[in-house]
Amino acid sequence: MHEGRRKRYIIAAGIAVPIILFMLYSTAQSAPYKNSMTWNFDSYRQNATIYDKFVSTEKSSQQEKGIWILKSDKTAPSLPNVLATLPSNATETGYHILIAPDGTYSNFEASVKFKIISGKEEQQAGLIVRFQGVNRYFVLRADAMNDRFSLCRAQIEGLVCTQDRDANITKGQWHTITADVALQGIAGYLDGTRLLQRNDQNYLNGGQIGLWTKGDSNVYFDDLKVSY
């Protein structure tokens, strides 16, 4: 009798948790944020680096940093500039990270537009949230080579992807990654469609946002935005 009751509790909990998460995310989306900030990269001089305010880092301290540079692109969502990542010969492996300035965020919505240009080994772009260190962050990752959209968690052992979805990610075309982040978890959107949602309470107490690429991925970014 007790065993049957316990099974009913487990089933009820399994049904209730997704419903509660959905309600929490719906509430967060319907509640307007009071503040917002957008980086469209148009106030920077073309071909200039962006390290005066943003911070570039890599997975390994021995790894040379990737090159983040301002370029002109006639297809940019906000003209004229985009932020391009151009890996050097020494950065064809590993993760290349650029962290935005001005604050940490706990409950917020972040988004970025991206276009994957090329990459022989990798064609990946990502939006970082809850960044607390090179081994402590989440990234919503778009992989054009494998048509995959993933939620991944960085840790000392490496990057662990906790959710994956097949998605149409076309090289040479602009896409948008959006993250809804709250204490209860993270929801990930690709081009306005929610594909990922996970109750993951690692790296709480707020964190920074940023941009992410892997290996020899050549990616353009535009309109990095956070509402909080």
C-alpha atoms as a PDB file:
ATOM      1  CA  MET A   1       0.000   0.000   0.000  1.00  0.00           C
ATOM      2  CA  HIS A   2       2.792   2.396   0.918  1.00  0.00           C
ATOM      3  CA  GLU A   3       4.637   1.419  -2.271  1.00  0.00           C
ATOM      4  CA  GLY A   4       1.600   2.298  -4.384  1.00  0.00           C
ATOM      5  CA  ARG A   5       1.229   5.626  -2.642  1.00  0.00           C
ATOM      6  CA  ARG A   6       4.885   6.442  -3.211  1.00  0.00           C
ATOM      7  CA  LYS A   7       4.560   5.660  -6.917  1.00  0.00           C
ATOM      8  CA  ARG A   8       1.566   7.986  -7.155  1.00  0.00           C
ATOM      9  CA  TYR A   9       3.589  10.765  -5.475  1.00  0.00           C
ATOM     10  CA  ILE A  10       6.462  10.259  -7.940  1.00  0.00           C
ATOM     11  CA  ILE A  11       4.112  10.388 -10.922  1.00  0.00           C
ATOM     12  CA  ALA A  12       2.366  13.489  -9.574  1.00  0.00           C
ATOM     13  CA  ALA A  13       5.712  15.209  -8.981  1.00  0.00           C
ATOM     14  CA  GLY A  14       6.853  14.334 -12.493  1.00  0.00           C
ATOM     15  CA  ILE A  15       3.754  15.997 -13.898  1.00  0.00           C
ATOM     16  CA  ALA A  16       3.821  18.982 -11.551  1.00  0.00           C
ATOM     17  CA  VAL A  17       7.447  20.053 -12.057  1.00  0.00           C
ATOM     18  CA  PRO A  18       7.182  20.801 -15.816  1.00  0.00           C
ATOM     19  CA  ILE A  19       3.883  22.616 -15.219  1.00  0.00           C
ATOM     20  CA  ILE A  20       5.431  24.753 -12.471  1.00  0.00           C
ATOM     21  CA  LEU A  21       8.463  25.526 -14.639  1.00  0.00           C
ATOM     22  CA  PHE A  22       6.225  26.521 -17.545  1.00  0.00           C
ATOM     23  CA  MET A  23       4.236  28.836 -15.270  1.00  0.00           C
ATOM     24  CA  LEU A  24       7.422  30.402 -13.903  1.00  0.00           C
ATOM     25  CA  TYR A  25       8.800  31.097 -17.364  1.00  0.00           C
ATOM     26  CA  SER A  26       5.441  32.414 -18.579  1.00  0.00           C
ATOM     27  CA  THR A  27       5.278  34.753 -15.587  1.00  0.00           C
ATOM     28  CA  ALA A  28       8.839  35.956 -16.200  1.00  0.00           C
ATOM     29  CA  GLN A  29       8.075  36.671 -19.843  1.00  0.00           C
ATOM     30  CA  SER A  30       4.871  38.557 -19.089  1.00  0.00           C
ATOM     31  CA  ALA A  31       6.553  40.721 -16.424  1.00  0.00           C
ATOM     32  CA  PRO A  32       8.417  43.605 -18.101  1.00  0.00           C
ATOM     33  CA  TYR A  33      12.015  44.196 -17.060  1.00  0.00           C
ATOM     34  CA  LYS A  34      12.853  47.651 -15.709  1.00  0.00           C
ATOM     35  CA  ASN A  35      16.263  48.041 -17.325  1.00  0.00           C
ATOM     36  CA  SER A  36      17.961  47.047 -20.556  1.00  0.00           C
ATOM     37  CA  MET A  37      21.284  47.460 -22.302  1.00  0.00           C
ATOM     38  CA  THR A  38      22.254  46.816 -25.932  1.00  0.00           C
ATOM     39  CA  TRP A  39      25.658  46.588 -27.600  1.00  0.00           C
ATOM     40  CA  ASN A  40      25.275  47.045 -31.367  1.00  0.00           C
ATOM     41  CA  PHE A  41      29.024  47.711 -31.891  1.00  0.00           C
ATOM     42  CA  ASP A  42      28.340  50.677 -34.184  1.00  0.00           C
ATOM     43  CA  SER A  43      30.114  53.290 -32.042  1.00  0.00           C
ATOM     44  CA  TYR A  44      33.444  51.505 -32.476  1.00  0.00           C
ATOM     45  CA  ARG A  45      35.897  52.205 -35.269  1.00  0.00           C
ATOM     46  CA  GLN A  46      36.039  49.485 -37.932  1.00  0.00           C
ATOM     47  CA  ASN A  47      38.934  47.035 -37.654  1.00  0.00           C
ATOM     48  CA  ALA A  48      39.433  48.060 -34.019  1.00  0.00           C
ATOM     49  CA  THR A  49      39.587  45.504 -31.237  1.00  0.00           C
ATOM     50  CA  ILE A  50      36.995  45.666 -28.493  1.00  0.00           C
ATOM     51  CA  TYR A  51      39.128  44.842 -25.466  1.00  0.00           C
ATOM     52  CA  ASP A  52      38.818  48.306 -23.930  1.00  0.00           C
ATOM     53  CA  LYS A  53      35.527  47.285 -22.299  1.00  0.00           C
ATOM     54  CA  PHE A  54      34.929  43.617 -23.054  1.00  0.00           C
ATOM     55  CA  VAL A  55      37.154  40.894 -21.591  1.00  0.00           C
ATOM     56  CA  SER A  56      38.481  38.076 -23.764  1.00  0.00           C
ATOM     57  CA  THR A  57      39.446  34.760 -22.202  1.00  0.00           C
ATOM     58  CA  GLU A  58      40.024  31.147 -23.159  1.00  0.00           C
ATOM     59  CA  LYS A  59      39.502  27.748 -21.576  1.00  0.00           C
ATOM     60  CA  SER A  60      43.240  27.353 -20.963  1.00  0.00           C
ATOM     61  CA  SER A  61      45.654  30.029 -19.778  1.00  0.00           C
ATOM     62  CA  GLN A  62      48.262  28.521 -22.129  1.00  0.00           C
ATOM     63  CA  GLN A  63      46.006  29.036 -25.149  1.00  0.00           C
ATOM     64  CA  GLU A  64      46.433  32.161 -27.248  1.00  0.00           C
ATOM     65  CA  LYS A  65      43.319  34.338 -27.274  1.00  0.00           C
ATOM     66  CA  GLY A  66      41.119  34.477 -30.328  1.00  0.00           C
ATOM     67  CA  ILE A  67      40.821  37.745 -32.217  1.00  0.00           C
ATOM     68  CA  TRP A  68      37.633  39.786 -31.711  1.00  0.00           C
ATOM     69  CA  ILE A  69      37.408  42.678 -34.149  1.00  0.00           C
ATOM     70  CA  LEU A  70      34.876  45.188 -35.500  1.00  0.00           C
ATOM     71  CA  LYS A  71      33.973  44.758 -39.167  1.00  0.00           C
ATOM     72  CA  SER A  72      31.531  46.297 -41.608  1.00  0.00           C
ATOM     73  CA  ASP A  73      28.758  44.029 -42.913  1.00  0.00           C
ATOM     74  CA  LYS A  74      26.043  45.215 -45.299  1.00  0.00           C
ATOM     75  CA  THR A  75      23.700  42.520 -43.956  1.00  0.00           C
ATOM     76  CA  ALA A  76      24.145  43.508 -40.284  1.00  0.00           C
ATOM     77  CA  PRO A  77      20.869  43.694 -38.343  1.00  0.00           C
ATOM     78  CA  SER A  78      22.005  47.134 -37.113  1.00  0.00           C
ATOM     79  CA  LEU A  79      24.300  48.827 -39.596  1.00  0.00           C
ATOM     80  CA  PRO A  80      27.147  49.239 -40.153  1.00  0.00           C
ATOM     81  CA  ASN A  81      29.281  47.151 -37.763  1.00  0.00           C
ATOM     82  CA  VAL A  82      29.365  43.601 -36.486  1.00  0.00           C
ATOM     83  CA  LEU A  83      31.680  41.997 -33.966  1.00  0.00           C
ATOM     84  CA  ALA A  84      33.664  39.218 -35.631  1.00  0.00           C
ATOM     85  CA  THR A  85      35.693  36.454 -34.047  1.00  0.00           C
ATOM     86  CA  LEU A  86      38.733  35.527 -36.119  1.00  0.00           C
ATOM     87  CA  PRO A  87      40.669  32.619 -34.595  1.00  0.00           C
ATOM     88  CA  SER A  88      44.381  32.675 -35.235  1.00  0.00           C
ATOM     89  CA  ASN A  89      46.479  29.666 -36.201  1.00  0.00           C
ATOM     90  CA  ALA A  90      47.086  29.011 -32.510  1.00  0.00           C
ATOM     91  CA  THR A  91      43.405  29.010 -31.567  1.00  0.00           C
ATOM     92  CA  GLU A  92      41.902  26.307 -33.777  1.00  0.00           C
ATOM     93  CA  THR A  93      40.847  24.289 -30.737  1.00  0.00           C
ATOM     94  CA  GLY A  94      39.189  25.192 -27.477  1.00  0.00           C
ATOM     95  CA  TYR A  95      36.586  27.780 -26.541  1.00  0.00           C
ATOM     96  CA  HIS A  96      36.874  31.510 -27.217  1.00  0.00           C
ATOM     97  CA  ILE A  97      34.974  33.717 -24.772  1.00  0.00           C
ATOM     98  CA  LEU A  98      34.211  37.440 -24.726  1.00  0.00           C
ATOM     99  CA  ILE A  99      32.516  38.761 -21.580  1.00  0.00           C
ATOM    100  CA  ALA A 100      30.361  41.895 -21.651  1.00  0.00           C
ATOM    101  CA  PRO A 101      31.059  44.724 -19.195  1.00  0.00           C
ATOM    102  CA  ASP A 102      28.808  46.533 -16.751  1.00  0.00           C
ATOM    103  CA  GLY A 103      27.238  44.147 -14.356  1.00  0.00           C
ATOM    104  CA  THR A 104      26.040  40.743 -13.250  1.00  0.00           C
ATOM    105  CA  TYR A 105      22.473  39.504 -13.644  1.00  0.00           C
ATOM    106  CA  SER A 106      20.251  37.012 -11.822  1.00  0.00           C
ATOM    107  CA  ASN A 107      16.759  37.227 -13.353  1.00  0.00           C
ATOM    108  CA  PHE A 108      16.983  38.485 -16.909  1.00  0.00           C
ATOM    109  CA  GLU A 109      16.549  37.979 -20.630  1.00  0.00           C
ATOM    110  CA  ALA A 110      19.575  38.089 -22.911  1.00  0.00           C
ATOM    111  CA  SER A 111      19.813  37.777 -26.673  1.00  0.00           C
ATOM    112  CA  VAL A 112      22.280  38.090 -29.529  1.00  0.00           C
ATOM    113  CA  LYS A 113      22.133  37.886 -33.314  1.00  0.00           C
ATOM    114  CA  PHE A 114      24.810  35.803 -35.005  1.00  0.00           C
ATOM    115  CA  LYS A 115      25.923  34.656 -38.443  1.00  0.00           C
ATOM    116  CA  ILE A 116      28.326  31.741 -38.844  1.00  0.00           C
ATOM    117  CA  ILE A 117      30.688  32.560 -41.708  1.00  0.00           C
ATOM    118  CA  SER A 118      33.041  29.601 -41.919  1.00  0.00           C
ATOM    119  CA  GLY A 119      35.066  26.959 -40.116  1.00  0.00           C
ATOM    120  CA  LYS A 120      36.812  23.826 -41.363  1.00  0.00           C
ATOM    121  CA  GLU A 121      36.666  21.953 -38.060  1.00  0.00           C
ATOM    122  CA  GLU A 122      33.932  23.819 -36.153  1.00  0.00           C
ATOM    123  CA  GLN A 123      31.034  26.148 -36.971  1.00  0.00           C
ATOM    124  CA  GLN A 124      29.681  27.073 -33.549  1.00  0.00           C
ATOM    125  CA  ALA A 125      28.405  30.243 -31.887  1.00  0.00           C
ATOM    126  CA  GLY A 126      26.986  30.746 -28.420  1.00  0.00           C
ATOM    127  CA  LEU A 127      25.446  33.083 -25.860  1.00  0.00           C
ATOM    128  CA  ILE A 128      26.945  32.830 -22.359  1.00  0.00           C
ATOM    129  CA  VAL A 129      24.873  33.375 -19.198  1.00  0.00           C
ATOM    130  CA  ARG A 130      25.673  33.071 -15.474  1.00  0.00           C
ATOM    131  CA  PHE A 131      29.377  33.527 -16.161  1.00  0.00           C
ATOM    132  CA  GLN A 132      31.334  33.297 -12.903  1.00  0.00           C
ATOM    133  CA  GLY A 133      34.642  32.094 -14.321  1.00  0.00           C
ATOM    134  CA  VAL A 134      36.149  30.199 -17.225  1.00  0.00           C
ATOM    135  CA  ASN A 135      34.935  26.909 -15.690  1.00  0.00           C
ATOM    136  CA  ARG A 136      31.639  28.249 -14.301  1.00  0.00           C
ATOM    137  CA  TYR A 137      29.055  29.359 -16.844  1.00  0.00           C
ATOM    138  CA  PHE A 138      26.243  28.209 -19.131  1.00  0.00           C
ATOM    139  CA  VAL A 139      26.189  28.605 -22.900  1.00  0.00           C
ATOM    140  CA  LEU A 140      23.360  28.257 -25.391  1.00  0.00           C
ATOM    141  CA  ARG A 141      25.256  26.834 -28.347  1.00  0.00           C
ATOM    142  CA  ALA A 142      24.305  26.804 -32.043  1.00  0.00           C
ATOM    143  CA  ASP A 143      26.174  24.285 -34.193  1.00  0.00           C
ATOM    144  CA  ALA A 144      25.728  24.819 -37.957  1.00  0.00           C
ATOM    145  CA  MET A 145      27.848  21.820 -38.910  1.00  0.00           C
ATOM    146  CA  ASN A 146      25.563  19.396 -37.035  1.00  0.00           C
ATOM    147  CA  ASP A 147      22.307  21.422 -37.035  1.00  0.00           C
ATOM    148  CA  ARG A 148      22.139  21.248 -33.255  1.00  0.00           C
ATOM    149  CA  PHE A 149      21.051  23.728 -30.551  1.00  0.00           C
ATOM    150  CA  SER A 150      22.286  22.898 -27.048  1.00  0.00           C
ATOM    151  CA  LEU A 151      22.332  24.077 -23.445  1.00  0.00           C
ATOM    152  CA  CYS A 152      25.762  23.364 -21.992  1.00  0.00           C
ATOM    153  CA  ARG A 153      27.365  23.860 -18.580  1.00  0.00           C
ATOM    154  CA  ALA A 154      31.072  24.588 -18.197  1.00  0.00           C
ATOM    155  CA  GLN A 155      32.956  22.882 -15.377  1.00  0.00           C
ATOM    156  CA  ILE A 156      36.549  21.979 -14.621  1.00  0.00           C
ATOM    157  CA  GLU A 157      36.297  18.684 -16.506  1.00  0.00           C
ATOM    158  CA  GLY A 158      34.983  20.382 -19.638  1.00  0.00           C
ATOM    159  CA  LEU A 159      31.732  21.396 -21.273  1.00  0.00           C
ATOM    160  CA  VAL A 160      28.707  19.200 -20.471  1.00  0.00           C
ATOM    161  CA  CYS A 161      25.652  19.610 -22.704  1.00  0.00           C
ATOM    162  CA  THR A 162      22.547  18.802 -20.660  1.00  0.00           C
ATOM    163  CA  GLN A 163      20.008  19.336 -23.452  1.00  0.00           C
ATOM    164  CA  ASP A 164      20.192  19.117 -27.257  1.00  0.00           C
ATOM    165  CA  ARG A 165      17.660  19.760 -30.010  1.00  0.00           C
ATOM    166  CA  ASP A 166      17.878  19.388 -33.760  1.00  0.00           C
ATOM    167  CA  ALA A 167      17.599  22.822 -35.372  1.00  0.00           C
ATOM    168  CA  ASN A 168      18.041  24.467 -38.748  1.00  0.00           C
ATOM    169  CA  ILE A 169      21.162  26.629 -38.367  1.00  0.00           C
ATOM    170  CA  THR A 170      22.247  27.883 -41.785  1.00  0.00           C
ATOM    171  CA  LYS A 171      25.781  29.088 -42.386  1.00  0.00           C
ATOM    172  CA  GLY A 172      25.843  32.600 -43.853  1.00  0.00           C
ATOM    173  CA  GLN A 173      22.413  33.492 -42.455  1.00  0.00           C
ATOM    174  CA  TRP A 174      21.545  35.612 -39.423  1.00  0.00           C
ATOM    175  CA  HIS A 175      19.940  33.816 -36.461  1.00  0.00           C
ATOM    176  CA  THR A 176      19.024  34.881 -32.929  1.00  0.00           C
ATOM    177  CA  ILE A 177      19.727  33.148 -29.617  1.00  0.00           C
ATOM    178  CA  THR A 178      17.632  34.229 -26.617  1.00  0.00           C
ATOM    179  CA  ALA A 179      17.952  33.108 -22.994  1.00  0.00           C
ATOM    180  CA  ASP A 180      15.389  33.515 -20.218  1.00  0.00           C
ATOM    181  CA  VAL A 181      17.250  33.056 -16.938  1.00  0.00           C
ATOM    182  CA  ALA A 182      15.708  32.867 -13.467  1.00  0.00           C
ATOM    183  CA  LEU A 183      16.448  31.168 -10.178  1.00  0.00           C
ATOM    184  CA  GLN A 184      14.350  28.209 -11.324  1.00  0.00           C
ATOM    185  CA  GLY A 185      16.364  27.538 -14.472  1.00  0.00           C
ATOM    186  CA  ILE A 186      17.157  28.505 -18.039  1.00  0.00           C
ATOM    187  CA  ALA A 187      15.039  28.531 -21.206  1.00  0.00           C
ATOM    188  CA  GLY A 188      16.713  28.743 -24.616  1.00  0.00           C
ATOM    189  CA  TYR A 189      15.199  30.101 -27.826  1.00  0.00           C
ATOM    190  CA  LEU A 190      16.459  29.947 -31.396  1.00  0.00           C
ATOM    191  CA  ASP A 191      14.919  32.486 -33.781  1.00  0.00           C
ATOM    192  CA  GLY A 192      12.056  33.093 -31.363  1.00  0.00           C
ATOM    193  CA  THR A 193      11.119  29.441 -30.790  1.00  0.00           C
ATOM    194  CA  ARG A 194      11.722  27.898 -27.383  1.00  0.00           C
ATOM    195  CA  LEU A 195      13.660  24.676 -27.909  1.00  0.00           C
ATOM    196  CA  LEU A 196      15.334  24.143 -24.528  1.00  0.00           C
ATOM    197  CA  GLN A 197      14.227  24.443 -20.916  1.00  0.00           C
ATOM    198  CA  ARG A 198      15.993  23.098 -17.852  1.00  0.00           C
ATOM    199  CA  ASN A 199      15.761  23.484 -14.106  1.00  0.00           C
ATOM    200  CA  ASP A 200      19.479  23.844 -13.386  1.00  0.00           C
ATOM    201  CA  GLN A 201      20.470  25.750 -10.262  1.00  0.00           C
ATOM    202  CA  ASN A 202      24.224  25.612 -10.699  1.00  0.00           C
ATOM    203  CA  TYR A 203      26.125  28.904 -10.568  1.00  0.00           C
ATOM    204  CA  LEU A 204      23.449  30.888  -8.782  1.00  0.00           C
ATOM    205  CA  ASN A 205      23.883  34.380  -7.237  1.00  0.00           C
ATOM    206  CA  GLY A 206      24.172  36.073 -10.602  1.00  0.00           C
ATOM    207  CA  GLY A 207      26.731  36.188 -13.356  1.00  0.00           C
ATOM    208  CA  GLN A 208      27.835  38.063 -16.463  1.00  0.00           C
ATOM    209  CA  ILE A 209      26.775  37.498 -20.049  1.00  0.00           C
ATOM    210  CA  GLY A 210      29.024  37.038 -23.046  1.00  0.00           C
ATOM    211  CA  LEU A 211      29.754  35.568 -26.455  1.00  0.00           C
ATOM    212  CA  TRP A 212      31.264  32.180 -27.258  1.00  0.00           C
ATOM    213  CA  THR A 213      32.773  30.335 -30.197  1.00  0.00           C
ATOM    214  CA  LYS A 214      34.667  27.085 -30.589  1.00  0.00           C
ATOM    215  CA  GLY A 215      37.806  26.156 -32.478  1.00  0.00           C
ATOM    216  CA  ASP A 216      38.232  27.726 -35.920  1.00  0.00           C
ATOM    217  CA  SER A 217      34.667  29.070 -36.114  1.00  0.00           C
ATOM    218  CA  ASN A 218      34.473  32.433 -37.872  1.00  0.00           C
ATOM    219  CA  VAL A 219      31.316  34.140 -36.555  1.00  0.00           C
ATOM    220  CA  TYR A 220      29.730  37.592 -36.784  1.00  0.00           C
ATOM    221  CA  PHE A 221      27.696  38.905 -33.812  1.00  0.00           C
ATOM    222  CA  ASP A 222      25.367  41.887 -33.546  1.00  0.00           C
ATOM    223  CA  ASP A 223      22.884  43.422 -31.091  1.00  0.00           C
ATOM    224  CA  LEU A 224      23.900  41.763 -27.841  1.00  0.00           C
ATOM    225  CA  LYS A 225      21.121  42.741 -25.418  1.00  0.00           C
ATOM    226  CA  VAL A 226      20.211  42.155 -21.790  1.00  0.00           C
ATOM    227  CA  SER A 227      16.957  43.125 -20.029  1.00  0.00           C
ATOM    228  CA  TYR A 228      16.847  42.885 -16.245  1.00  0.00           C
END
